[in-house]
Amino acid sequence: MLSTGLPQGAVPRLERPGPLRERVYEALLELITTRALQPGQHLVESELAGHLGVSRQPVREALQRLNTEGWVDLRPAQGAFVHEPTEEEADQLLSVRMLLEAEAARLAAANADRDGVTALEELVAQGFEAVAADDVDTAVALNARFHAKVVGLAGNAVLAELAAQVDRRVRWYYTPVARQRGRQSWIEHRALIEAIADRDEQRATRLMREHTEHTRRSYHGQAKP
């Protein structure tokens, strides 16, 4: 185990071609989102640079950008730390997510074709497999893909753009409760698909609101001592 808490071999070295600064930023953001780098964890520039196979400069620039976006806290005389979200921050984001995705579910019920419904069904089948295998990382990724697909089926470009802006933070908050939500989350996804396939806009809206509310409550529940 490395001193930053990352398993040996977990972080691939970045290829040199392309915008290195952006790739370092994306790599660090992904590590934070998936909680390979935990909230409150000290981020040492030299160690991160070594993991990624780059110099310290693009790491420093990435940390400054992540600080501006609220993913990292830069503390004078102490260094960089992964931001620890407050319950208020989580509640605000998950509440906004509920509004966006409830509308997405309604529009998906109005617009989705058979191919779209089939794609959702395939994601749910994979989700159940991931839960059965206790593969939390895959379950989290599939959950994000499922919700993104629902948003895509809504057919509203502005809604899709807004949902994409909160997607990574939703993954950040969902990861610690993914095992707790487990199979029940995918049962709720399956019920939502039925509403979309039936073109029942009202039921799809209600089910998505209930589904996102369950996740919000689970997050707040695990955050309590």
C-alpha atoms as a PDB file:
ATOM      1  CA  MET A   1       0.000   0.000   0.000  1.00  0.00           C
ATOM      2  CA  LEU A   2       1.360   3.391  -0.953  1.00  0.00           C
ATOM      3  CA  SER A   3       1.398   6.217   1.572  1.00  0.00           C
ATOM      4  CA  THR A   4      -1.425   7.979  -0.271  1.00  0.00           C
ATOM      5  CA  GLY A   5      -3.624   4.932   0.256  1.00  0.00           C
ATOM      6  CA  LEU A   6      -3.657   3.767  -3.372  1.00  0.00           C
ATOM      7  CA  PRO A   7      -3.107   0.056  -4.087  1.00  0.00           C
ATOM      8  CA  GLN A   8       0.019  -0.846  -6.039  1.00  0.00           C
ATOM      9  CA  GLY A   9      -0.753  -0.759  -9.763  1.00  0.00           C
ATOM     10  CA  ALA A  10      -4.113   0.976  -9.314  1.00  0.00           C
ATOM     11  CA  VAL A  11      -3.066   4.120 -11.162  1.00  0.00           C
ATOM     12  CA  PRO A  12      -1.767   3.712 -14.698  1.00  0.00           C
ATOM     13  CA  ARG A  13       0.974   5.999 -15.886  1.00  0.00           C
ATOM     14  CA  LEU A  14      -0.300   8.620 -18.261  1.00  0.00           C
ATOM     15  CA  GLU A  15       0.765   8.571 -21.880  1.00  0.00           C
ATOM     16  CA  ARG A  16       2.716  11.660 -22.895  1.00  0.00           C
ATOM     17  CA  PRO A  17       0.849  12.562 -26.112  1.00  0.00           C
ATOM     18  CA  GLY A  18      -2.126  14.871 -25.682  1.00  0.00           C
ATOM     19  CA  PRO A  19      -2.918  17.654 -23.187  1.00  0.00           C
ATOM     20  CA  LEU A  20      -1.065  16.321 -20.146  1.00  0.00           C
ATOM     21  CA  ARG A  21      -2.437  18.955 -17.788  1.00  0.00           C
ATOM     22  CA  GLU A  22      -6.002  17.913 -18.617  1.00  0.00           C
ATOM     23  CA  ARG A  23      -5.212  14.220 -18.331  1.00  0.00           C
ATOM     24  CA  VAL A  24      -3.642  14.629 -14.907  1.00  0.00           C
ATOM     25  CA  TYR A  25      -6.709  16.591 -13.802  1.00  0.00           C
ATOM     26  CA  GLU A  26      -9.061  13.887 -15.097  1.00  0.00           C
ATOM     27  CA  ALA A  27      -7.016  11.115 -13.462  1.00  0.00           C
ATOM     28  CA  LEU A  28      -7.046  12.820 -10.061  1.00  0.00           C
ATOM     29  CA  LEU A  29     -10.740  13.672 -10.346  1.00  0.00           C
ATOM     30  CA  GLU A  30     -11.557  10.052 -11.140  1.00  0.00           C
ATOM     31  CA  LEU A  31      -9.540   8.864  -8.131  1.00  0.00           C
ATOM     32  CA  ILE A  32     -11.439  11.299  -5.912  1.00  0.00           C
ATOM     33  CA  THR A  33     -14.832  10.448  -7.413  1.00  0.00           C
ATOM     34  CA  THR A  34     -14.345   6.723  -6.925  1.00  0.00           C
ATOM     35  CA  ARG A  35     -12.936   7.362  -3.421  1.00  0.00           C
ATOM     36  CA  ALA A  36      -9.635   5.705  -4.204  1.00  0.00           C
ATOM     37  CA  LEU A  37      -8.540   9.006  -2.674  1.00  0.00           C
ATOM     38  CA  GLN A  38     -10.716   9.390   0.418  1.00  0.00           C
ATOM     39  CA  PRO A  39     -12.322  12.606   1.740  1.00  0.00           C
ATOM     40  CA  GLY A  40      -9.863  14.275   4.096  1.00  0.00           C
ATOM     41  CA  GLN A  41      -6.855  12.452   2.644  1.00  0.00           C
ATOM     42  CA  HIS A  42      -3.608  14.402   2.354  1.00  0.00           C
ATOM     43  CA  LEU A  43      -2.508  14.792  -1.264  1.00  0.00           C
ATOM     44  CA  VAL A  44       1.280  14.917  -1.627  1.00  0.00           C
ATOM     45  CA  GLU A  45       2.331  16.364  -4.979  1.00  0.00           C
ATOM     46  CA  SER A  46       5.519  14.321  -5.297  1.00  0.00           C
ATOM     47  CA  GLU A  47       3.752  11.051  -4.542  1.00  0.00           C
ATOM     48  CA  LEU A  48       0.889  11.715  -6.930  1.00  0.00           C
ATOM     49  CA  ALA A  49       3.373  12.710  -9.619  1.00  0.00           C
ATOM     50  CA  GLY A  50       5.205   9.446  -9.067  1.00  0.00           C
ATOM     51  CA  HIS A  51       2.007   7.388  -9.344  1.00  0.00           C
ATOM     52  CA  LEU A  52       1.052   9.129 -12.584  1.00  0.00           C
ATOM     53  CA  GLY A  53       4.537   9.199 -14.066  1.00  0.00           C
ATOM     54  CA  VAL A  54       4.617  12.966 -14.526  1.00  0.00           C
ATOM     55  CA  SER A  55       6.410  15.966 -13.034  1.00  0.00           C
ATOM     56  CA  ARG A  56       4.987  17.862 -10.081  1.00  0.00           C
ATOM     57  CA  GLN A  57       3.953  20.888 -12.158  1.00  0.00           C
ATOM     58  CA  PRO A  58       0.851  19.387 -13.870  1.00  0.00           C
ATOM     59  CA  VAL A  59      -0.132  17.821 -10.546  1.00  0.00           C
ATOM     60  CA  ARG A  60       0.129  21.216  -8.829  1.00  0.00           C
ATOM     61  CA  GLU A  61      -1.973  22.819 -11.583  1.00  0.00           C
ATOM     62  CA  ALA A  62      -4.563  20.041 -11.355  1.00  0.00           C
ATOM     63  CA  LEU A  63      -4.830  20.431  -7.581  1.00  0.00           C
ATOM     64  CA  GLN A  64      -5.347  24.161  -7.949  1.00  0.00           C
ATOM     65  CA  ARG A  65      -8.144  23.561 -10.448  1.00  0.00           C
ATOM     66  CA  LEU A  66      -9.713  20.898  -8.230  1.00  0.00           C
ATOM     67  CA  ASN A  67      -9.573  23.365  -5.359  1.00  0.00           C
ATOM     68  CA  THR A  68     -11.432  25.957  -7.423  1.00  0.00           C
ATOM     69  CA  GLU A  69     -14.108  23.370  -8.253  1.00  0.00           C
ATOM     70  CA  GLY A  70     -14.515  22.243  -4.649  1.00  0.00           C
ATOM     71  CA  TRP A  71     -12.960  18.785  -4.867  1.00  0.00           C
ATOM     72  CA  VAL A  72      -9.749  19.664  -3.009  1.00  0.00           C
ATOM     73  CA  ASP A  73      -8.984  21.963  -0.098  1.00  0.00           C
ATOM     74  CA  LEU A  74      -5.657  23.852  -0.156  1.00  0.00           C
ATOM     75  CA  ARG A  75      -4.682  24.699   3.410  1.00  0.00           C
ATOM     76  CA  PRO A  76      -1.901  27.222   4.122  1.00  0.00           C
ATOM     77  CA  ALA A  77       1.248  25.567   5.500  1.00  0.00           C
ATOM     78  CA  GLN A  78      -0.449  22.160   5.384  1.00  0.00           C
ATOM     79  CA  GLY A  79      -0.960  21.314   1.703  1.00  0.00           C
ATOM     80  CA  ALA A  80      -3.766  19.787  -0.312  1.00  0.00           C
ATOM     81  CA  PHE A  81      -6.514  17.537   1.058  1.00  0.00           C
ATOM     82  CA  VAL A  82      -9.474  15.829  -0.561  1.00  0.00           C
ATOM     83  CA  HIS A  83     -12.534  17.894   0.316  1.00  0.00           C
ATOM     84  CA  GLU A  84     -14.817  16.443   2.975  1.00  0.00           C
ATOM     85  CA  PRO A  85     -18.384  17.235   1.878  1.00  0.00           C
ATOM     86  CA  THR A  86     -20.743  18.550   4.516  1.00  0.00           C
ATOM     87  CA  GLU A  87     -24.215  17.100   4.914  1.00  0.00           C
ATOM     88  CA  GLU A  88     -25.633  20.407   3.685  1.00  0.00           C
ATOM     89  CA  GLU A  89     -23.555  20.216   0.479  1.00  0.00           C
ATOM     90  CA  ALA A  90     -24.662  16.645  -0.144  1.00  0.00           C
ATOM     91  CA  ASP A  91     -28.297  17.457   0.560  1.00  0.00           C
ATOM     92  CA  GLN A  92     -28.298  20.391  -1.830  1.00  0.00           C
ATOM     93  CA  LEU A  93     -26.738  18.396  -4.648  1.00  0.00           C
ATOM     94  CA  LEU A  94     -28.886  15.312  -4.186  1.00  0.00           C
ATOM     95  CA  SER A  95     -32.010  17.474  -4.028  1.00  0.00           C
ATOM     96  CA  VAL A  96     -31.103  19.093  -7.343  1.00  0.00           C
ATOM     97  CA  ARG A  97     -30.382  15.665  -8.765  1.00  0.00           C
ATOM     98  CA  MET A  98     -33.881  14.560  -7.733  1.00  0.00           C
ATOM     99  CA  LEU A  99     -35.493  17.424  -9.635  1.00  0.00           C
ATOM    100  CA  LEU A 100     -33.427  16.874 -12.788  1.00  0.00           C
ATOM    101  CA  GLU A 101     -33.813  13.125 -12.914  1.00  0.00           C
ATOM    102  CA  ALA A 102     -37.515  13.111 -12.093  1.00  0.00           C
ATOM    103  CA  GLU A 103     -38.065  15.316 -15.131  1.00  0.00           C
ATOM    104  CA  ALA A 104     -35.737  13.120 -17.166  1.00  0.00           C
ATOM    105  CA  ALA A 105     -37.782  10.051 -16.212  1.00  0.00           C
ATOM    106  CA  ARG A 106     -40.994  11.788 -17.252  1.00  0.00           C
ATOM    107  CA  LEU A 107     -39.562  12.753 -20.625  1.00  0.00           C
ATOM    108  CA  ALA A 108     -38.059   9.294 -21.103  1.00  0.00           C
ATOM    109  CA  ALA A 109     -41.499   7.776 -20.568  1.00  0.00           C
ATOM    110  CA  ALA A 110     -42.844  10.101 -23.241  1.00  0.00           C
ATOM    111  CA  ASN A 111     -40.047   9.591 -25.768  1.00  0.00           C
ATOM    112  CA  ALA A 112     -38.213   6.291 -25.267  1.00  0.00           C
ATOM    113  CA  ASP A 113     -38.386   3.675 -28.000  1.00  0.00           C
ATOM    114  CA  ARG A 114     -37.998  -0.085 -27.675  1.00  0.00           C
ATOM    115  CA  ASP A 115     -34.246   0.066 -28.244  1.00  0.00           C
ATOM    116  CA  GLY A 116     -33.871   2.539 -25.418  1.00  0.00           C
ATOM    117  CA  VAL A 117     -35.885   0.388 -23.040  1.00  0.00           C
ATOM    118  CA  THR A 118     -33.812  -2.649 -24.029  1.00  0.00           C
ATOM    119  CA  ALA A 119     -30.606  -0.748 -23.275  1.00  0.00           C
ATOM    120  CA  LEU A 120     -31.921   0.082 -19.793  1.00  0.00           C
ATOM    121  CA  GLU A 121     -32.873  -3.551 -19.235  1.00  0.00           C
ATOM    122  CA  GLU A 122     -29.376  -4.680 -20.186  1.00  0.00           C
ATOM    123  CA  LEU A 123     -27.828  -2.257 -17.707  1.00  0.00           C
ATOM    124  CA  VAL A 124     -30.113  -3.522 -14.953  1.00  0.00           C
ATOM    125  CA  ALA A 125     -29.169  -7.128 -15.709  1.00  0.00           C
ATOM    126  CA  GLN A 126     -25.490  -6.192 -15.440  1.00  0.00           C
ATOM    127  CA  GLY A 127     -26.228  -4.288 -12.234  1.00  0.00           C
ATOM    128  CA  PHE A 128     -27.775  -7.333 -10.584  1.00  0.00           C
ATOM    129  CA  GLU A 129     -24.725  -9.369 -11.610  1.00  0.00           C
ATOM    130  CA  ALA A 130     -22.364  -6.792 -10.078  1.00  0.00           C
ATOM    131  CA  VAL A 131     -24.333  -6.773  -6.822  1.00  0.00           C
ATOM    132  CA  ALA A 132     -24.331 -10.588  -6.694  1.00  0.00           C
ATOM    133  CA  ALA A 133     -20.549 -10.541  -7.148  1.00  0.00           C
ATOM    134  CA  ASP A 134     -20.183  -7.787  -4.521  1.00  0.00           C
ATOM    135  CA  ASP A 135     -18.385  -5.723  -7.163  1.00  0.00           C
ATOM    136  CA  VAL A 136     -19.076  -2.260  -5.794  1.00  0.00           C
ATOM    137  CA  ASP A 137     -16.943  -0.350  -8.304  1.00  0.00           C
ATOM    138  CA  THR A 138     -18.770  -1.921 -11.246  1.00  0.00           C
ATOM    139  CA  ALA A 139     -22.147  -1.403  -9.595  1.00  0.00           C
ATOM    140  CA  VAL A 140     -21.399   2.291  -9.089  1.00  0.00           C
ATOM    141  CA  ALA A 141     -20.287   2.687 -12.705  1.00  0.00           C
ATOM    142  CA  LEU A 142     -23.371   0.855 -13.989  1.00  0.00           C
ATOM    143  CA  ASN A 143     -25.627   2.960 -11.787  1.00  0.00           C
ATOM    144  CA  ALA A 144     -24.147   6.102 -13.336  1.00  0.00           C
ATOM    145  CA  ARG A 145     -24.615   4.663 -16.830  1.00  0.00           C
ATOM    146  CA  PHE A 146     -28.228   3.766 -16.088  1.00  0.00           C
ATOM    147  CA  HIS A 147     -29.115   7.253 -14.906  1.00  0.00           C
ATOM    148  CA  ALA A 148     -27.223   8.819 -17.808  1.00  0.00           C
ATOM    149  CA  LYS A 149     -29.171   6.609 -20.220  1.00  0.00           C
ATOM    150  CA  VAL A 150     -32.480   7.723 -18.735  1.00  0.00           C
ATOM    151  CA  VAL A 151     -31.374  11.337 -19.175  1.00  0.00           C
ATOM    152  CA  GLY A 152     -30.331  10.571 -22.755  1.00  0.00           C
ATOM    153  CA  LEU A 153     -33.711   9.037 -23.534  1.00  0.00           C
ATOM    154  CA  ALA A 154     -35.385  12.211 -22.286  1.00  0.00           C
ATOM    155  CA  GLY A 155     -34.223  13.931 -25.456  1.00  0.00           C
ATOM    156  CA  ASN A 156     -33.620  17.325 -23.838  1.00  0.00           C
ATOM    157  CA  ALA A 157     -30.115  18.669 -24.491  1.00  0.00           C
ATOM    158  CA  VAL A 158     -30.264  21.348 -21.776  1.00  0.00           C
ATOM    159  CA  LEU A 159     -31.414  18.832 -19.189  1.00  0.00           C
ATOM    160  CA  ALA A 160     -28.635  16.468 -20.266  1.00  0.00           C
ATOM    161  CA  GLU A 161     -26.025  19.208 -19.868  1.00  0.00           C
ATOM    162  CA  LEU A 162     -27.242  20.106 -16.384  1.00  0.00           C
ATOM    163  CA  ALA A 163     -27.379  16.455 -15.326  1.00  0.00           C
ATOM    164  CA  ALA A 164     -23.832  15.905 -16.592  1.00  0.00           C
ATOM    165  CA  GLN A 165     -22.616  18.770 -14.401  1.00  0.00           C
ATOM    166  CA  VAL A 166     -23.762  16.989 -11.236  1.00  0.00           C
ATOM    167  CA  ASP A 167     -23.037  13.419 -12.380  1.00  0.00           C
ATOM    168  CA  ARG A 168     -19.554  13.107 -10.907  1.00  0.00           C
ATOM    169  CA  ARG A 169     -20.562  14.483  -7.538  1.00  0.00           C
ATOM    170  CA  VAL A 170     -23.532  12.136  -7.484  1.00  0.00           C
ATOM    171  CA  ARG A 171     -21.115   9.229  -8.036  1.00  0.00           C
ATOM    172  CA  TRP A 172     -18.950  10.601  -5.217  1.00  0.00           C
ATOM    173  CA  TYR A 173     -21.883  10.585  -2.814  1.00  0.00           C
ATOM    174  CA  TYR A 174     -23.286   7.271  -4.064  1.00  0.00           C
ATOM    175  CA  THR A 175     -20.091   5.215  -3.739  1.00  0.00           C
ATOM    176  CA  PRO A 176     -20.123   4.900   0.086  1.00  0.00           C
ATOM    177  CA  VAL A 177     -23.771   3.740   0.108  1.00  0.00           C
ATOM    178  CA  ALA A 178     -23.635   1.505  -2.972  1.00  0.00           C
ATOM    179  CA  ARG A 179     -23.251  -1.696  -0.987  1.00  0.00           C
ATOM    180  CA  GLN A 180     -25.977  -0.635   1.443  1.00  0.00           C
ATOM    181  CA  ARG A 181     -28.401   0.158  -1.388  1.00  0.00           C
ATOM    182  CA  GLY A 182     -27.322  -3.005  -3.202  1.00  0.00           C
ATOM    183  CA  ARG A 183     -30.002  -5.115  -4.847  1.00  0.00           C
ATOM    184  CA  GLN A 184     -32.834  -2.809  -3.785  1.00  0.00           C
ATOM    185  CA  SER A 185     -31.481  -0.014  -5.978  1.00  0.00           C
ATOM    186  CA  TRP A 186     -31.661  -2.252  -9.043  1.00  0.00           C
ATOM    187  CA  ILE A 187     -35.154  -3.435  -8.135  1.00  0.00           C
ATOM    188  CA  GLU A 188     -36.151   0.233  -8.170  1.00  0.00           C
ATOM    189  CA  HIS A 189     -34.432   0.671 -11.539  1.00  0.00           C
ATOM    190  CA  ARG A 190     -36.424  -2.251 -12.931  1.00  0.00           C
ATOM    191  CA  ALA A 191     -39.705  -0.720 -11.748  1.00  0.00           C
ATOM    192  CA  LEU A 192     -38.734   2.552 -13.404  1.00  0.00           C
ATOM    193  CA  ILE A 193     -38.089   0.761 -16.690  1.00  0.00           C
ATOM    194  CA  GLU A 194     -41.590  -0.722 -16.553  1.00  0.00           C
ATOM    195  CA  ALA A 195     -43.077   2.747 -16.156  1.00  0.00           C
ATOM    196  CA  ILE A 196     -41.004   4.083 -19.054  1.00  0.00           C
ATOM    197  CA  ALA A 197     -41.944   1.129 -21.259  1.00  0.00           C
ATOM    198  CA  ASP A 198     -45.627   1.698 -20.402  1.00  0.00           C
ATOM    199  CA  ARG A 199     -45.230   5.390 -21.276  1.00  0.00           C
ATOM    200  CA  ASP A 200     -46.609   6.250 -17.858  1.00  0.00           C
ATOM    201  CA  GLU A 201     -45.078   9.670 -17.286  1.00  0.00           C
ATOM    202  CA  GLN A 202     -46.648  10.222 -13.876  1.00  0.00           C
ATOM    203  CA  ARG A 203     -45.497   6.848 -12.494  1.00  0.00           C
ATOM    204  CA  ALA A 204     -42.002   7.269 -13.943  1.00  0.00           C
ATOM    205  CA  THR A 205     -41.695  10.675 -12.272  1.00  0.00           C
ATOM    206  CA  ARG A 206     -42.868   9.332  -8.925  1.00  0.00           C
ATOM    207  CA  LEU A 207     -40.602   6.287  -9.031  1.00  0.00           C
ATOM    208  CA  MET A 208     -37.533   8.343  -9.885  1.00  0.00           C
ATOM    209  CA  ARG A 209     -38.289  10.794  -7.089  1.00  0.00           C
ATOM    210  CA  GLU A 210     -38.631   7.928  -4.621  1.00  0.00           C
ATOM    211  CA  HIS A 211     -35.480   6.252  -5.941  1.00  0.00           C
ATOM    212  CA  THR A 212     -33.292   9.337  -5.624  1.00  0.00           C
ATOM    213  CA  GLU A 213     -34.794  10.113  -2.220  1.00  0.00           C
ATOM    214  CA  HIS A 214     -33.820   6.630  -0.987  1.00  0.00           C
ATOM    215  CA  THR A 215     -30.233   7.310  -2.021  1.00  0.00           C
ATOM    216  CA  ARG A 216     -30.262  10.715  -0.324  1.00  0.00           C
ATOM    217  CA  ARG A 217     -31.525   9.196   2.929  1.00  0.00           C
ATOM    218  CA  SER A 218     -28.983   6.376   2.742  1.00  0.00           C
ATOM    219  CA  TYR A 219     -26.176   8.890   2.344  1.00  0.00           C
ATOM    220  CA  HIS A 220     -27.276  10.916   5.336  1.00  0.00           C
ATOM    221  CA  GLY A 221     -27.791   7.748   7.348  1.00  0.00           C
ATOM    222  CA  GLN A 222     -24.246   6.495   6.789  1.00  0.00           C
ATOM    223  CA  ALA A 223     -22.814   9.938   7.501  1.00  0.00           C
ATOM    224  CA  LYS A 224     -24.131   9.884  11.081  1.00  0.00           C
ATOM    225  CA  PRO A 225     -21.894   8.492  13.862  1.00  0.00           C
END
